[in-house]
Amino acid sequence: MNAVVPTRTITVPRGASTIERASIRLAGAMTRWAMRRAERREDRRERMLVAIQEQQTRKIDPHATDHLLAPLGVRRR
């Protein structure tokens, strides 16, 4: 997660019309939505990278043990 913390303090210029105030509120809501979406995407990406790394480390060559024991004269399976 990012350490960015958006504040909800919005400065509305004096004499702003209803449409201007609504558009400022809408922009704030869209920004918060985009920030949450980006954080969820980043969390999902991190979880996927961890899962992929676990899968890759679990893959073990079944014949690796045989190859290591061959120089010692131990028969293969």
C-alpha atoms as a PDB file:
ATOM      1  CA  MET A   1       0.000   0.000   0.000  1.00  0.00           C
ATOM      2  CA  ASN A   2       1.039   3.544  -0.565  1.00  0.00           C
ATOM      3  CA  ALA A   3       1.541   5.963   2.259  1.00  0.00           C
ATOM      4  CA  VAL A   4      -0.583   8.598   0.556  1.00  0.00           C
ATOM      5  CA  VAL A   5      -3.465   9.742   2.691  1.00  0.00           C
ATOM      6  CA  PRO A   6      -5.894  11.997   0.880  1.00  0.00           C
ATOM      7  CA  THR A   7      -7.651  14.506   3.071  1.00  0.00           C
ATOM      8  CA  ARG A   8     -11.309  15.308   2.739  1.00  0.00           C
ATOM      9  CA  THR A   9     -10.817  19.037   3.306  1.00  0.00           C
ATOM     10  CA  ILE A  10     -12.059  20.727   0.179  1.00  0.00           C
ATOM     11  CA  THR A  11     -11.653  24.435  -0.374  1.00  0.00           C
ATOM     12  CA  VAL A  12     -14.586  25.754  -2.318  1.00  0.00           C
ATOM     13  CA  PRO A  13     -14.141  29.250  -3.734  1.00  0.00           C
ATOM     14  CA  ARG A  14     -16.535  31.913  -2.484  1.00  0.00           C
ATOM     15  CA  GLY A  15     -19.446  32.410  -4.744  1.00  0.00           C
ATOM     16  CA  ALA A  16     -19.157  28.939  -6.293  1.00  0.00           C
ATOM     17  CA  SER A  17     -22.320  27.816  -7.943  1.00  0.00           C
ATOM     18  CA  THR A  18     -24.146  24.615  -7.056  1.00  0.00           C
ATOM     19  CA  ILE A  19     -22.764  22.906 -10.142  1.00  0.00           C
ATOM     20  CA  GLU A  20     -19.209  23.949  -9.244  1.00  0.00           C
ATOM     21  CA  ARG A  21     -19.559  22.661  -5.676  1.00  0.00           C
ATOM     22  CA  ALA A  22     -21.063  19.411  -6.931  1.00  0.00           C
ATOM     23  CA  SER A  23     -18.272  18.969  -9.480  1.00  0.00           C
ATOM     24  CA  ILE A  24     -15.639  19.524  -6.757  1.00  0.00           C
ATOM     25  CA  ARG A  25     -17.317  16.909  -4.561  1.00  0.00           C
ATOM     26  CA  LEU A  26     -17.563  14.543  -7.520  1.00  0.00           C
ATOM     27  CA  ALA A  27     -13.866  15.017  -8.294  1.00  0.00           C
ATOM     28  CA  GLY A  28     -13.010  14.191  -4.677  1.00  0.00           C
ATOM     29  CA  ALA A  29     -15.173  11.091  -4.735  1.00  0.00           C
ATOM     30  CA  MET A  30     -13.613   9.924  -7.990  1.00  0.00           C
ATOM     31  CA  THR A  31     -10.119  10.498  -6.599  1.00  0.00           C
ATOM     32  CA  ARG A  32     -10.896   8.443  -3.488  1.00  0.00           C
ATOM     33  CA  TRP A  33     -12.367   5.684  -5.666  1.00  0.00           C
ATOM     34  CA  ALA A  34      -9.290   5.652  -7.900  1.00  0.00           C
ATOM     35  CA  MET A  35      -6.946   5.550  -4.884  1.00  0.00           C
ATOM     36  CA  ARG A  36      -8.820   2.612  -3.329  1.00  0.00           C
ATOM     37  CA  ARG A  37      -8.853   0.810  -6.658  1.00  0.00           C
ATOM     38  CA  ALA A  38      -5.106   1.314  -7.109  1.00  0.00           C
ATOM     39  CA  GLU A  39      -4.451   0.036  -3.574  1.00  0.00           C
ATOM     40  CA  ARG A  40      -6.595  -3.059  -4.161  1.00  0.00           C
ATOM     41  CA  ARG A  41      -4.802  -3.702  -7.459  1.00  0.00           C
ATOM     42  CA  GLU A  42      -1.407  -3.352  -5.771  1.00  0.00           C
ATOM     43  CA  ASP A  43      -2.445  -5.723  -2.968  1.00  0.00           C
ATOM     44  CA  ARG A  44      -3.739  -8.239  -5.501  1.00  0.00           C
ATOM     45  CA  ARG A  45      -0.492  -7.973  -7.483  1.00  0.00           C
ATOM     46  CA  GLU A  46       1.613  -8.562  -4.363  1.00  0.00           C
ATOM     47  CA  ARG A  47      -0.475 -11.618  -3.419  1.00  0.00           C
ATOM     48  CA  MET A  48      -0.114 -13.013  -6.939  1.00  0.00           C
ATOM     49  CA  LEU A  49       3.664 -12.509  -6.907  1.00  0.00           C
ATOM     50  CA  VAL A  50       3.909 -14.322  -3.573  1.00  0.00           C
ATOM     51  CA  ALA A  51       1.754 -17.177  -4.909  1.00  0.00           C
ATOM     52  CA  ILE A  52       3.839 -17.466  -8.080  1.00  0.00           C
ATOM     53  CA  GLN A  53       7.043 -17.455  -6.071  1.00  0.00           C
ATOM     54  CA  GLU A  54       5.695 -20.231  -3.824  1.00  0.00           C
ATOM     55  CA  GLN A  55       4.704 -22.297  -6.839  1.00  0.00           C
ATOM     56  CA  GLN A  56       8.115 -21.870  -8.424  1.00  0.00           C
ATOM     57  CA  THR A  57       9.972 -22.836  -5.275  1.00  0.00           C
ATOM     58  CA  ARG A  58       7.811 -25.929  -4.799  1.00  0.00           C
ATOM     59  CA  LYS A  59       8.710 -27.315  -8.236  1.00  0.00           C
ATOM     60  CA  ILE A  60      11.367 -29.915  -7.593  1.00  0.00           C
ATOM     61  CA  ASP A  61      12.859 -32.153 -10.236  1.00  0.00           C
ATOM     62  CA  PRO A  62      11.927 -35.733  -9.252  1.00  0.00           C
ATOM     63  CA  HIS A  63      15.146 -37.010 -10.806  1.00  0.00           C
ATOM     64  CA  ALA A  64      17.400 -34.525  -9.018  1.00  0.00           C
ATOM     65  CA  THR A  65      17.947 -36.924  -6.125  1.00  0.00           C
ATOM     66  CA  ASP A  66      18.837 -39.721  -8.530  1.00  0.00           C
ATOM     67  CA  HIS A  67      21.384 -37.517 -10.265  1.00  0.00           C
ATOM     68  CA  LEU A  68      22.963 -36.569  -6.945  1.00  0.00           C
ATOM     69  CA  LEU A  69      23.174 -40.186  -5.768  1.00  0.00           C
ATOM     70  CA  ALA A  70      24.518 -41.558  -9.078  1.00  0.00           C
ATOM     71  CA  PRO A  71      28.185 -40.641  -8.414  1.00  0.00           C
ATOM     72  CA  LEU A  72      27.970 -42.521  -5.116  1.00  0.00           C
ATOM     73  CA  GLY A  73      27.015 -45.694  -6.926  1.00  0.00           C
ATOM     74  CA  VAL A  74      23.448 -45.794  -5.639  1.00  0.00           C
ATOM     75  CA  ARG A  75      21.016 -47.262  -8.163  1.00  0.00           C
ATOM     76  CA  ARG A  76      18.311 -45.154  -9.638  1.00  0.00           C
ATOM     77  CA  ARG A  77      14.705 -45.867  -8.874  1.00  0.00           C
END
